[in-house]
PDB file of N, CA and C in Angstrom:
ATOM      1  N   MET A   1      30.392   1.600 -15.080  1.00  0.00           N
ATOM      2  CA  MET A   1      29.803   0.279 -14.949  1.00  0.00           C
ATOM      3  C   MET A   1      28.474   0.407 -14.217  1.00  0.00           C
ATOM      4  N   HIS A   2      27.390   0.510 -14.980  1.00  0.00           N
ATOM      5  CA  HIS A   2      26.074   0.650 -14.371  1.00  0.00           C
ATOM      6  C   HIS A   2      25.605  -0.650 -13.731  1.00  0.00           C
ATOM      7  N   GLU A   3      26.291  -1.752 -13.979  1.00  0.00           N
ATOM      8  CA  GLU A   3      25.933  -3.033 -13.366  1.00  0.00           C
ATOM      9  C   GLU A   3      26.045  -2.980 -11.842  1.00  0.00           C
ATOM     10  N   LEU A   4      26.953  -2.177 -11.318  1.00  0.00           N
ATOM     11  CA  LEU A   4      27.105  -2.053  -9.863  1.00  0.00           C
ATOM     12  C   LEU A   4      25.847  -1.460  -9.240  1.00  0.00           C
ATOM     13  N   SER A   5      25.310  -0.404  -9.836  1.00  0.00           N
ATOM     14  CA  SER A   5      24.086   0.190  -9.287  1.00  0.00           C
ATOM     15  C   SER A   5      22.883  -0.737  -9.484  1.00  0.00           C
ATOM     16  N   ILE A   6      22.878  -1.510 -10.559  1.00  0.00           N
ATOM     17  CA  ILE A   6      21.805  -2.490 -10.775  1.00  0.00           C
ATOM     18  C   ILE A   6      21.874  -3.564  -9.692  1.00  0.00           C
ATOM     19  N   ALA A   7      23.086  -4.048  -9.410  1.00  0.00           N
ATOM     20  CA  ALA A   7      23.267  -5.064  -8.361  1.00  0.00           C
ATOM     21  C   ALA A   7      22.810  -4.532  -7.010  1.00  0.00           C
ATOM     22  N   GLU A   8      23.131  -3.284  -6.710  1.00  0.00           N
ATOM     23  CA  GLU A   8      22.701  -2.681  -5.444  1.00  0.00           C
ATOM     24  C   GLU A   8      21.183  -2.644  -5.351  1.00  0.00           C
ATOM     25  N   SER A   9      20.523  -2.309  -6.441  1.00  0.00           N
ATOM     26  CA  SER A   9      19.056  -2.265  -6.450  1.00  0.00           C
ATOM     27  C   SER A   9      18.450  -3.654  -6.286  1.00  0.00           C
ATOM     28  N   ILE A  10      19.029  -4.653  -6.951  1.00  0.00           N
ATOM     29  CA  ILE A  10      18.544  -6.027  -6.824  1.00  0.00           C
ATOM     30  C   ILE A  10      18.651  -6.488  -5.373  1.00  0.00           C
ATOM     31  N   VAL A  11      19.785  -6.209  -4.750  1.00  0.00           N
ATOM     32  CA  VAL A  11      19.999  -6.611  -3.354  1.00  0.00           C
ATOM     33  C   VAL A  11      19.003  -5.899  -2.441  1.00  0.00           C
ATOM     34  N   ALA A  12      18.768  -4.620  -2.669  1.00  0.00           N
ATOM     35  CA  ALA A  12      17.818  -3.874  -1.836  1.00  0.00           C
ATOM     36  C   ALA A  12      16.409  -4.463  -1.929  1.00  0.00           C
ATOM     37  N   VAL A  13      15.983  -4.792  -3.143  1.00  0.00           N
ATOM     38  CA  VAL A  13      14.653  -5.392  -3.336  1.00  0.00           C
ATOM     39  C   VAL A  13      14.588  -6.747  -2.637  1.00  0.00           C
ATOM     40  N   ALA A  14      15.610  -7.565  -2.838  1.00  0.00           N
ATOM     41  CA  ALA A  14      15.622  -8.914  -2.258  1.00  0.00           C
ATOM     42  C   ALA A  14      15.638  -8.860  -0.736  1.00  0.00           C
ATOM     43  N   GLU A  15      16.449  -8.000  -0.159  1.00  0.00           N
ATOM     44  CA  GLU A  15      16.509  -7.899   1.307  1.00  0.00           C
ATOM     45  C   GLU A  15      15.179  -7.443   1.888  1.00  0.00           C
ATOM     46  N   ARG A  16      14.531  -6.504   1.227  1.00  0.00           N
ATOM     47  CA  ARG A  16      13.236  -6.005   1.706  1.00  0.00           C
ATOM     48  C   ARG A  16      12.206  -7.130   1.752  1.00  0.00           C
ATOM     49  N   HIS A  17      12.198  -7.970   0.719  1.00  0.00           N
ATOM     50  CA  HIS A  17      11.205  -9.041   0.650  1.00  0.00           C
ATOM     51  C   HIS A  17      11.588 -10.275   1.467  1.00  0.00           C
ATOM     52  N   ALA A  18      12.873 -10.471   1.690  1.00  0.00           N
ATOM     53  CA  ALA A  18      13.324 -11.643   2.452  1.00  0.00           C
ATOM     54  C   ALA A  18      13.093 -11.477   3.946  1.00  0.00           C
ATOM     55  N   ARG A  19      13.007 -10.251   4.422  1.00  0.00           N
ATOM     56  CA  ARG A  19      12.737  -9.953   5.839  1.00  0.00           C
ATOM     57  C   ARG A  19      13.669 -10.713   6.783  1.00  0.00           C
ATOM     58  N   GLY A  20      14.972 -10.657   6.472  1.00  0.00           N
ATOM     59  CA  GLY A  20      15.962 -11.245   7.357  1.00  0.00           C
ATOM     60  C   GLY A  20      16.284 -12.703   7.099  1.00  0.00           C
ATOM     61  N   ARG A  21      15.495 -13.365   6.263  1.00  0.00           N
ATOM     62  CA  ARG A  21      15.772 -14.762   5.933  1.00  0.00           C
ATOM     63  C   ARG A  21      16.870 -14.833   4.873  1.00  0.00           C
ATOM     64  N   HIS A  22      17.598 -15.935   4.856  1.00  0.00           N
ATOM     65  CA  HIS A  22      18.663 -16.095   3.876  1.00  0.00           C
ATOM     66  C   HIS A  22      18.076 -16.345   2.490  1.00  0.00           C
ATOM     67  N   VAL A  23      18.631 -15.680   1.492  1.00  0.00           N
ATOM     68  CA  VAL A  23      18.200 -15.828   0.108  1.00  0.00           C
ATOM     69  C   VAL A  23      19.176 -16.756  -0.606  1.00  0.00           C
ATOM     70  N   ALA A  24      18.659 -17.830  -1.192  1.00  0.00           N
ATOM     71  CA  ALA A  24      19.504 -18.793  -1.895  1.00  0.00           C
ATOM     72  C   ALA A  24      19.678 -18.442  -3.368  1.00  0.00           C
ATOM     73  N   ALA A  25      18.664 -17.815  -3.967  1.00  0.00           N
ATOM     74  CA  ALA A  25      18.742 -17.465  -5.388  1.00  0.00           C
ATOM     75  C   ALA A  25      17.820 -16.293  -5.693  1.00  0.00           C
ATOM     76  N   VAL A  26      18.233 -15.499  -6.670  1.00  0.00           N
ATOM     77  CA  VAL A  26      17.441 -14.374  -7.153  1.00  0.00           C
ATOM     78  C   VAL A  26      17.350 -14.502  -8.670  1.00  0.00           C
ATOM     79  N   THR A  27      16.125 -14.470  -9.200  1.00  0.00           N
ATOM     80  CA  THR A  27      15.921 -14.526 -10.636  1.00  0.00           C
ATOM     81  C   THR A  27      15.536 -13.143 -11.118  1.00  0.00           C
ATOM     82  N   VAL A  28      16.255 -12.660 -12.124  1.00  0.00           N
ATOM     83  CA  VAL A  28      16.047 -11.307 -12.644  1.00  0.00           C
ATOM     84  C   VAL A  28      15.849 -11.379 -14.154  1.00  0.00           C
ATOM     85  N   SER A  29      14.791 -10.721 -14.646  1.00  0.00           N
ATOM     86  CA  SER A  29      14.609 -10.626 -16.095  1.00  0.00           C
ATOM     87  C   SER A  29      15.297  -9.339 -16.563  1.00  0.00           C
ATOM     88  N   VAL A  30      16.085  -9.491 -17.631  1.00  0.00           N
ATOM     89  CA  VAL A  30      16.864  -8.371 -18.163  1.00  0.00           C
ATOM     90  C   VAL A  30      16.574  -8.251 -19.657  1.00  0.00           C
ATOM     91  N   GLY A  31      15.987  -7.136 -20.038  1.00  0.00           N
ATOM     92  CA  GLY A  31      15.699  -6.899 -21.445  1.00  0.00           C
ATOM     93  C   GLY A  31      16.962  -6.678 -22.259  1.00  0.00           C
ATOM     94  N   HIS A  32      16.928  -7.154 -23.486  1.00  0.00           N
ATOM     95  CA  HIS A  32      18.065  -7.034 -24.404  1.00  0.00           C
ATOM     96  C   HIS A  32      18.500  -5.574 -24.578  1.00  0.00           C
ATOM     97  N   LEU A  33      17.556  -4.665 -24.569  1.00  0.00           N
ATOM     98  CA  LEU A  33      17.875  -3.253 -24.792  1.00  0.00           C
ATOM     99  C   LEU A  33      18.522  -2.583 -23.581  1.00  0.00           C
ATOM    100  N   ARG A  34      18.538  -3.235 -22.437  1.00  0.00           N
ATOM    101  CA  ARG A  34      19.180  -2.696 -21.231  1.00  0.00           C
ATOM    102  C   ARG A  34      20.696  -2.736 -21.333  1.00  0.00           C
ATOM    103  N   GLN A  35      21.205  -3.515 -22.258  1.00  0.00           N
ATOM    104  CA  GLN A  35      22.640  -3.643 -22.516  1.00  0.00           C
ATOM    105  C   GLN A  35      23.434  -3.907 -21.237  1.00  0.00           C
ATOM    106  N   VAL A  36      22.954  -4.882 -20.476  1.00  0.00           N
ATOM    107  CA  VAL A  36      23.636  -5.310 -19.262  1.00  0.00           C
ATOM    108  C   VAL A  36      24.637  -6.400 -19.640  1.00  0.00           C
ATOM    109  N   VAL A  37      25.850  -6.282 -19.126  1.00  0.00           N
ATOM    110  CA  VAL A  37      26.867  -7.302 -19.349  1.00  0.00           C
ATOM    111  C   VAL A  37      26.718  -8.327 -18.226  1.00  0.00           C
ATOM    112  N   PRO A  38      26.242  -9.545 -18.549  1.00  0.00           N
ATOM    113  CA  PRO A  38      25.968 -10.538 -17.503  1.00  0.00           C
ATOM    114  C   PRO A  38      27.146 -10.797 -16.564  1.00  0.00           C
ATOM    115  N   ALA A  39      28.353 -10.958 -17.090  1.00  0.00           N
ATOM    116  CA  ALA A  39      29.511 -11.247 -16.233  1.00  0.00           C
ATOM    117  C   ALA A  39      29.784 -10.092 -15.271  1.00  0.00           C
ATOM    118  N   SER A  40      29.594  -8.865 -15.735  1.00  0.00           N
ATOM    119  CA  SER A  40      29.803  -7.697 -14.871  1.00  0.00           C
ATOM    120  C   SER A  40      28.741  -7.622 -13.780  1.00  0.00           C
ATOM    121  N   LEU A  41      27.499  -7.927 -14.143  1.00  0.00           N
ATOM    122  CA  LEU A  41      26.422  -7.905 -13.153  1.00  0.00           C
ATOM    123  C   LEU A  41      26.630  -9.006 -12.120  1.00  0.00           C
ATOM    124  N   GLU A  42      27.025 -10.189 -12.564  1.00  0.00           N
ATOM    125  CA  GLU A  42      27.270 -11.294 -11.635  1.00  0.00           C
ATOM    126  C   GLU A  42      28.414 -10.956 -10.674  1.00  0.00           C
ATOM    127  N   PHE A  43      29.477 -10.335 -11.187  1.00  0.00           N
ATOM    128  CA  PHE A  43      30.600  -9.929 -10.340  1.00  0.00           C
ATOM    129  C   PHE A  43      30.161  -8.891  -9.322  1.00  0.00           C
ATOM    130  N   ALA A  44      29.439  -7.881  -9.770  1.00  0.00           N
ATOM    131  CA  ALA A  44      28.967  -6.826  -8.872  1.00  0.00           C
ATOM    132  C   ALA A  44      28.019  -7.398  -7.819  1.00  0.00           C
ATOM    133  N   PHE A  45      27.134  -8.314  -8.218  1.00  0.00           N
ATOM    134  CA  PHE A  45      26.188  -8.941  -7.304  1.00  0.00           C
ATOM    135  C   PHE A  45      26.937  -9.697  -6.207  1.00  0.00           C
ATOM    136  N   GLU A  46      27.945 -10.470  -6.605  1.00  0.00           N
ATOM    137  CA  GLU A  46      28.731 -11.224  -5.627  1.00  0.00           C
ATOM    138  C   GLU A  46      29.433 -10.283  -4.649  1.00  0.00           C
ATOM    139  N   LEU A  47      29.937  -9.188  -5.159  1.00  0.00           N
ATOM    140  CA  LEU A  47      30.625  -8.199  -4.323  1.00  0.00           C
ATOM    141  C   LEU A  47      29.667  -7.535  -3.336  1.00  0.00           C
ATOM    142  N   ILE A  48      28.511  -7.108  -3.821  1.00  0.00           N
ATOM    143  CA  ILE A  48      27.527  -6.375  -3.014  1.00  0.00           C
ATOM    144  C   ILE A  48      26.880  -7.267  -1.955  1.00  0.00           C
ATOM    145  N   THR A  49      26.724  -8.560  -2.243  1.00  0.00           N
ATOM    146  CA  THR A  49      25.998  -9.445  -1.322  1.00  0.00           C
ATOM    147  C   THR A  49      26.835  -9.944  -0.152  1.00  0.00           C
ATOM    148  N   GLN A  50      28.137  -9.737  -0.192  1.00  0.00           N
ATOM    149  CA  GLN A  50      28.988 -10.230   0.895  1.00  0.00           C
ATOM    150  C   GLN A  50      28.542  -9.627   2.232  1.00  0.00           C
ATOM    151  N   GLY A  51      28.311 -10.514   3.203  1.00  0.00           N
ATOM    152  CA  GLY A  51      27.903 -10.083   4.537  1.00  0.00           C
ATOM    153  C   GLY A  51      26.430  -9.733   4.670  1.00  0.00           C
ATOM    154  N   THR A  52      25.638 -10.017   3.628  1.00  0.00           N
ATOM    155  CA  THR A  52      24.203  -9.730   3.679  1.00  0.00           C
ATOM    156  C   THR A  52      23.425 -11.045   3.715  1.00  0.00           C
ATOM    157  N   ALA A  53      22.108 -10.953   3.760  1.00  0.00           N
ATOM    158  CA  ALA A  53      21.249 -12.137   3.719  1.00  0.00           C
ATOM    159  C   ALA A  53      21.337 -12.838   2.370  1.00  0.00           C
ATOM    160  N   LEU A  54      21.980 -12.210   1.395  1.00  0.00           N
ATOM    161  CA  LEU A  54      22.129 -12.803   0.063  1.00  0.00           C
ATOM    162  C   LEU A  54      23.525 -13.369  -0.172  1.00  0.00           C
ATOM    163  N   ASP A  55      24.348 -13.372   0.848  1.00  0.00           N
ATOM    164  CA  ASP A  55      25.718 -13.869   0.702  1.00  0.00           C
ATOM    165  C   ASP A  55      25.686 -15.309   0.195  1.00  0.00           C
ATOM    166  N   GLY A  56      26.320 -15.557  -0.939  1.00  0.00           N
ATOM    167  CA  GLY A  56      26.344 -16.889  -1.534  1.00  0.00           C
ATOM    168  C   GLY A  56      25.149 -17.199  -2.419  1.00  0.00           C
ATOM    169  N   ALA A  57      24.220 -16.255  -2.564  1.00  0.00           N
ATOM    170  CA  ALA A  57      23.028 -16.492  -3.389  1.00  0.00           C
ATOM    171  C   ALA A  57      23.398 -16.580  -4.862  1.00  0.00           C
ATOM    172  N   GLU A  58      22.651 -17.391  -5.576  1.00  0.00           N
ATOM    173  CA  GLU A  58      22.830 -17.524  -7.022  1.00  0.00           C
ATOM    174  C   GLU A  58      22.019 -16.432  -7.719  1.00  0.00           C
ATOM    175  N   LEU A  59      22.631 -15.771  -8.677  1.00  0.00           N
ATOM    176  CA  LEU A  59      21.937 -14.782  -9.500  1.00  0.00           C
ATOM    177  C   LEU A  59      21.590 -15.451 -10.823  1.00  0.00           C
ATOM    178  N   ILE A  60      20.290 -15.571 -11.102  1.00  0.00           N
ATOM    179  CA  ILE A  60      19.817 -16.203 -12.327  1.00  0.00           C
ATOM    180  C   ILE A  60      19.283 -15.101 -13.242  1.00  0.00           C
ATOM    181  N   LEU A  61      19.932 -14.930 -14.377  1.00  0.00           N
ATOM    182  CA  LEU A  61      19.540 -13.887 -15.321  1.00  0.00           C
ATOM    183  C   LEU A  61      18.769 -14.497 -16.476  1.00  0.00           C
ATOM    184  N   GLU A  62      17.583 -13.961 -16.723  1.00  0.00           N
ATOM    185  CA  GLU A  62      16.752 -14.409 -17.841  1.00  0.00           C
ATOM    186  C   GLU A  62      16.677 -13.269 -18.847  1.00  0.00           C
ATOM    187  N   GLU A  63      17.310 -13.450 -20.000  1.00  0.00           N
ATOM    188  CA  GLU A  63      17.305 -12.395 -21.011  1.00  0.00           C
ATOM    189  C   GLU A  63      15.969 -12.356 -21.731  1.00  0.00           C
ATOM    190  N   VAL A  64      15.424 -11.156 -21.861  1.00  0.00           N
ATOM    191  CA  VAL A  64      14.168 -10.940 -22.567  1.00  0.00           C
ATOM    192  C   VAL A  64      14.515 -10.306 -23.916  1.00  0.00           C
ATOM    193  N   PRO A  65      14.195 -10.979 -25.031  1.00  0.00           N
ATOM    194  CA  PRO A  65      14.510 -10.409 -26.333  1.00  0.00           C
ATOM    195  C   PRO A  65      13.699  -9.141 -26.588  1.00  0.00           C
ATOM    196  N   SER A  66      14.239  -8.274 -27.419  1.00  0.00           N
ATOM    197  CA  SER A  66      13.515  -7.045 -27.741  1.00  0.00           C
ATOM    198  C   SER A  66      12.576  -7.303 -28.919  1.00  0.00           C
ATOM    199  N   ALA A  67      11.423  -6.673 -28.850  1.00  0.00           N
ATOM    200  CA  ALA A  67      10.424  -6.792 -29.912  1.00  0.00           C
ATOM    201  C   ALA A  67       9.678  -5.468 -30.018  1.00  0.00           C
ATOM    202  N   GLY A  68       9.142  -5.234 -31.193  1.00  0.00           N
ATOM    203  CA  GLY A  68       8.388  -4.008 -31.409  1.00  0.00           C
ATOM    204  C   GLY A  68       7.246  -4.235 -32.372  1.00  0.00           C
ATOM    205  N   VAL A  69       6.259  -3.330 -32.291  1.00  0.00           N
ATOM    206  CA  VAL A  69       5.127  -3.345 -33.204  1.00  0.00           C
ATOM    207  C   VAL A  69       5.279  -2.141 -34.126  1.00  0.00           C
ATOM    208  N   CYS A  70       5.230  -2.401 -35.410  1.00  0.00           N
ATOM    209  CA  CYS A  70       5.386  -1.347 -36.406  1.00  0.00           C
ATOM    210  C   CYS A  70       4.110  -0.520 -36.483  1.00  0.00           C
ATOM    211  N   ARG A  71       4.269   0.779 -36.395  1.00  0.00           N
ATOM    212  CA  ARG A  71       3.098   1.664 -36.493  1.00  0.00           C
ATOM    213  C   ARG A  71       2.641   1.810 -37.946  1.00  0.00           C
ATOM    214  N   ARG A  72       3.501   1.474 -38.892  1.00  0.00           N
ATOM    215  CA  ARG A  72       3.143   1.594 -40.309  1.00  0.00           C
ATOM    216  C   ARG A  72       2.379   0.363 -40.791  1.00  0.00           C
ATOM    217  N   CYS A  73       2.924  -0.839 -40.568  1.00  0.00           N
ATOM    218  CA  CYS A  73       2.290  -2.049 -41.119  1.00  0.00           C
ATOM    219  C   CYS A  73       1.571  -2.898 -40.065  1.00  0.00           C
ATOM    220  N   GLY A  74       1.783  -2.586 -38.774  1.00  0.00           N
ATOM    221  CA  GLY A  74       1.087  -3.293 -37.709  1.00  0.00           C
ATOM    222  C   GLY A  74       1.682  -4.633 -37.311  1.00  0.00           C
ATOM    223  N   ARG A  75       2.782  -5.040 -37.933  1.00  0.00           N
ATOM    224  CA  ARG A  75       3.391  -6.334 -37.622  1.00  0.00           C
ATOM    225  C   ARG A  75       4.314  -6.217 -36.417  1.00  0.00           C
ATOM    226  N   GLU A  76       4.364  -7.284 -35.626  1.00  0.00           N
ATOM    227  CA  GLU A  76       5.313  -7.352 -34.509  1.00  0.00           C
ATOM    228  C   GLU A  76       6.518  -8.150 -34.964  1.00  0.00           C
ATOM    229  N   SER A  77       7.700  -7.655 -34.608  1.00  0.00           N
ATOM    230  CA  SER A  77       8.912  -8.380 -34.981  1.00  0.00           C
ATOM    231  C   SER A  77       9.964  -8.246 -33.898  1.00  0.00           C
ATOM    232  N   ARG A  78      10.861  -9.198 -33.910  1.00  0.00           N
ATOM    233  CA  ARG A  78      11.990  -9.187 -32.989  1.00  0.00           C
ATOM    234  C   ARG A  78      12.991  -8.140 -33.471  1.00  0.00           C
ATOM    235  N   LEU A  79      13.542  -7.403 -32.515  1.00  0.00           N
ATOM    236  CA  LEU A  79      14.495  -6.346 -32.835  1.00  0.00           C
ATOM    237  C   LEU A  79      15.844  -6.740 -32.252  1.00  0.00           C
ATOM    238  N   ASP A  80      16.690  -7.325 -33.081  1.00  0.00           N
ATOM    239  CA  ASP A  80      17.948  -7.882 -32.594  1.00  0.00           C
ATOM    240  C   ASP A  80      19.047  -6.846 -32.413  1.00  0.00           C
ATOM    241  N   GLY A  81      18.989  -5.745 -33.115  1.00  0.00           N
ATOM    242  CA  GLY A  81      20.049  -4.755 -33.002  1.00  0.00           C
ATOM    243  C   GLY A  81      19.624  -3.430 -33.588  1.00  0.00           C
ATOM    244  N   PHE A  82      20.525  -2.473 -33.479  1.00  0.00           N
ATOM    245  CA  PHE A  82      20.246  -1.130 -33.970  1.00  0.00           C
ATOM    246  C   PHE A  82      20.597  -1.055 -35.448  1.00  0.00           C
ATOM    247  N   PRO A  83      19.866  -0.339 -36.258  1.00  0.00           N
ATOM    248  CA  PRO A  83      18.675   0.433 -35.895  1.00  0.00           C
ATOM    249  C   PRO A  83      17.478  -0.490 -35.653  1.00  0.00           C
ATOM    250  N   LEU A  84      16.549  -0.030 -34.853  1.00  0.00           N
ATOM    251  CA  LEU A  84      15.378  -0.821 -34.482  1.00  0.00           C
ATOM    252  C   LEU A  84      14.286  -0.631 -35.537  1.00  0.00           C
ATOM    253  N   ASN A  85      14.461  -1.286 -36.660  1.00  0.00           N
ATOM    254  CA  ASN A  85      13.516  -1.177 -37.769  1.00  0.00           C
ATOM    255  C   ASN A  85      12.626  -2.414 -37.840  1.00  0.00           C
ATOM    256  N   CYS A  86      11.421  -2.212 -38.357  1.00  0.00           N
ATOM    257  CA  CYS A  86      10.488  -3.305 -38.592  1.00  0.00           C
ATOM    258  C   CYS A  86      11.112  -4.285 -39.571  1.00  0.00           C
ATOM    259  N   ARG A  87      11.048  -5.570 -39.242  1.00  0.00           N
ATOM    260  CA  ARG A  87      11.613  -6.589 -40.136  1.00  0.00           C
ATOM    261  C   ARG A  87      10.721  -6.839 -41.352  1.00  0.00           C
ATOM    262  N   SER A  88       9.458  -6.407 -41.285  1.00  0.00           N
ATOM    263  CA  SER A  88       8.545  -6.635 -42.408  1.00  0.00           C
ATOM    264  C   SER A  88       8.642  -5.542 -43.472  1.00  0.00           C
ATOM    265  N   CYS A  89       8.570  -4.271 -43.025  1.00  0.00           N
ATOM    266  CA  CYS A  89       8.534  -3.190 -44.012  1.00  0.00           C
ATOM    267  C   CYS A  89       9.731  -2.241 -43.927  1.00  0.00           C
ATOM    268  N   GLY A  90      10.563  -2.391 -42.886  1.00  0.00           N
ATOM    269  CA  GLY A  90      11.754  -1.553 -42.768  1.00  0.00           C
ATOM    270  C   GLY A  90      11.539  -0.217 -42.076  1.00  0.00           C
ATOM    271  N   SER A  91      10.324   0.078 -41.683  1.00  0.00           N
ATOM    272  CA  SER A  91      10.034   1.359 -41.041  1.00  0.00           C
ATOM    273  C   SER A  91      10.744   1.474 -39.688  1.00  0.00           C
ATOM    274  N   ALA A  92      11.157   2.686 -39.363  1.00  0.00           N
ATOM    275  CA  ALA A  92      11.765   2.957 -38.059  1.00  0.00           C
ATOM    276  C   ALA A  92      10.714   3.401 -37.042  1.00  0.00           C
ATOM    277  N   ASP A  93       9.462   3.493 -37.464  1.00  0.00           N
ATOM    278  CA  ASP A  93       8.377   3.911 -36.580  1.00  0.00           C
ATOM    279  C   ASP A  93       7.843   2.683 -35.840  1.00  0.00           C
ATOM    280  N   VAL A  94       8.620   2.246 -34.835  1.00  0.00           N
ATOM    281  CA  VAL A  94       8.335   1.003 -34.123  1.00  0.00           C
ATOM    282  C   VAL A  94       8.116   1.306 -32.641  1.00  0.00           C
ATOM    283  N   GLU A  95       7.050   0.751 -32.095  1.00  0.00           N
ATOM    284  CA  GLU A  95       6.789   0.859 -30.653  1.00  0.00           C
ATOM    285  C   GLU A  95       7.397  -0.362 -29.968  1.00  0.00           C
ATOM    286  N   ILE A  96       8.289  -0.133 -29.018  1.00  0.00           N
ATOM    287  CA  ILE A  96       8.940  -1.211 -28.286  1.00  0.00           C
ATOM    288  C   ILE A  96       7.922  -1.854 -27.346  1.00  0.00           C
ATOM    289  N   VAL A  97       7.780  -3.179 -27.437  1.00  0.00           N
ATOM    290  CA  VAL A  97       6.836  -3.888 -26.567  1.00  0.00           C
ATOM    291  C   VAL A  97       7.538  -4.839 -25.603  1.00  0.00           C
ATOM    292  N   SER A  98       8.806  -5.142 -25.847  1.00  0.00           N
ATOM    293  CA  SER A  98       9.585  -5.925 -24.887  1.00  0.00           C
ATOM    294  C   SER A  98      11.063  -5.680 -25.144  1.00  0.00           C
ATOM    295  N   GLY A  99      11.843  -5.933 -24.103  1.00  0.00           N
ATOM    296  CA  GLY A  99      13.283  -5.761 -24.215  1.00  0.00           C
ATOM    297  C   GLY A  99      13.832  -4.667 -23.332  1.00  0.00           C
ATOM    298  N   GLU A 100      12.947  -3.935 -22.665  1.00  0.00           N
ATOM    299  CA  GLU A 100      13.384  -2.880 -21.754  1.00  0.00           C
ATOM    300  C   GLU A 100      13.234  -3.281 -20.282  1.00  0.00           C
ATOM    301  N   GLU A 101      12.837  -4.535 -20.038  1.00  0.00           N
ATOM    302  CA  GLU A 101      12.601  -5.017 -18.678  1.00  0.00           C
ATOM    303  C   GLU A 101      13.895  -5.060 -17.867  1.00  0.00           C
ATOM    304  N   LEU A 102      13.736  -4.837 -16.586  1.00  0.00           N
ATOM    305  CA  LEU A 102      14.801  -5.058 -15.611  1.00  0.00           C
ATOM    306  C   LEU A 102      14.100  -5.171 -14.268  1.00  0.00           C
ATOM    307  N   GLN A 103      13.790  -6.415 -13.895  1.00  0.00           N
ATOM    308  CA  GLN A 103      13.049  -6.596 -12.654  1.00  0.00           C
ATOM    309  C   GLN A 103      13.353  -7.924 -11.986  1.00  0.00           C
ATOM    310  N   VAL A 104      13.240  -7.903 -10.672  1.00  0.00           N
ATOM    311  CA  VAL A 104      13.391  -9.126  -9.890  1.00  0.00           C
ATOM    312  C   VAL A 104      12.107  -9.919 -10.069  1.00  0.00           C
ATOM    313  N   GLU A 105      12.234 -11.135 -10.595  1.00  0.00           N
ATOM    314  CA  GLU A 105      11.077 -11.982 -10.853  1.00  0.00           C
ATOM    315  C   GLU A 105      10.740 -12.870  -9.661  1.00  0.00           C
ATOM    316  N   SER A 106      11.782 -13.430  -9.017  1.00  0.00           N
ATOM    317  CA  SER A 106      11.513 -14.329  -7.897  1.00  0.00           C
ATOM    318  C   SER A 106      12.726 -14.447  -6.992  1.00  0.00           C
ATOM    319  N   LEU A 107      12.450 -14.900  -5.770  1.00  0.00           N
ATOM    320  CA  LEU A 107      13.481 -15.163  -4.767  1.00  0.00           C
ATOM    321  C   LEU A 107      13.292 -16.573  -4.244  1.00  0.00           C
ATOM    322  N   ASP A 108      14.390 -17.273  -4.051  1.00  0.00           N
ATOM    323  CA  ASP A 108      14.358 -18.532  -3.315  1.00  0.00           C
ATOM    324  C   ASP A 108      14.842 -18.192  -1.919  1.00  0.00           C
ATOM    325  N   VAL A 109      13.913 -18.200  -0.973  1.00  0.00           N
ATOM    326  CA  VAL A 109      14.213 -17.792   0.410  1.00  0.00           C
ATOM    327  C   VAL A 109      14.093 -19.004   1.304  1.00  0.00           C
ATOM    328  N   GLU A 110      15.099 -19.178   2.159  1.00  0.00           N
ATOM    329  CA  GLU A 110      15.052 -20.285   3.110  1.00  0.00           C
ATOM    330  C   GLU A 110      14.008 -20.009   4.164  1.00  0.00           C
ATOM    331  N   GLU A 111      13.364 -21.071   4.616  1.00  0.00           N
ATOM    332  CA  GLU A 111      12.349 -20.917   5.653  1.00  0.00           C
ATOM    333  C   GLU A 111      13.012 -20.469   6.944  1.00  0.00           C
ATOM    334  N   GLU A 112      12.252 -19.768   7.744  1.00  0.00           N
ATOM    335  CA  GLU A 112      12.773 -19.300   9.015  1.00  0.00           C
ATOM    336  C   GLU A 112      13.052 -20.499   9.924  1.00  0.00           C
ATOM    337  N   VAL A 113      14.116 -20.406  10.649  1.00  0.00           N
ATOM    338  CA  VAL A 113      14.479 -21.450  11.602  1.00  0.00           C
ATOM    339  C   VAL A 113      13.675 -21.238  12.872  1.00  0.00           C
ATOM    340  N   ALA A 114      12.981 -22.296  13.320  1.00  0.00           N
ATOM    341  CA  ALA A 114      12.205 -22.202  14.560  1.00  0.00           C
ATOM    342  C   ALA A 114      13.160 -22.116  15.746  1.00  0.00           C
ATOM    343  N   HIS A 115      12.978 -21.122  16.576  1.00  0.00           N
ATOM    344  CA  HIS A 115      13.831 -20.963  17.758  1.00  0.00           C
ATOM    345  C   HIS A 115      13.237 -21.714  18.937  1.00  0.00           C
ATOM    346  N   GLY A 116      14.137 -22.222  19.815  1.00  0.00           N
ATOM    347  CA  GLY A 116      13.678 -22.853  21.040  1.00  0.00           C
ATOM    348  C   GLY A 116      13.361 -24.332  20.903  1.00  0.00           C
ATOM    349  N   ARG A 117      13.769 -24.944  19.821  1.00  0.00           N
ATOM    350  CA  ARG A 117      13.507 -26.386  19.638  1.00  0.00           C
ATOM    351  C   ARG A 117      14.737 -27.177  19.905  1.00  0.00           C
TER     352      ARG A 117
END
């Protein structure tokens, strides 16, 4: 289950940027070709965040469809499944231009609480 290591990486990135503040939500873009199982990633995220600044945070997954540009005909097309062939001419000589993403896009971080008030 590679989702566990993905969840660990997401938490590490979020904690580094949150600088001790509580994180309410994390938005992550996940390319179709990454073959991430959303329910598994959400479960792993919930498990990994317990006792951290992300405890109770919402994980928002934005799926990025896969697309490629055909080196033979020059057309860009969506690549829904394997084999990754051009939808226009059928060529397998396709350069992937989207669908391999896996990155933290944004964090909803609570403002720091003023001490001494």
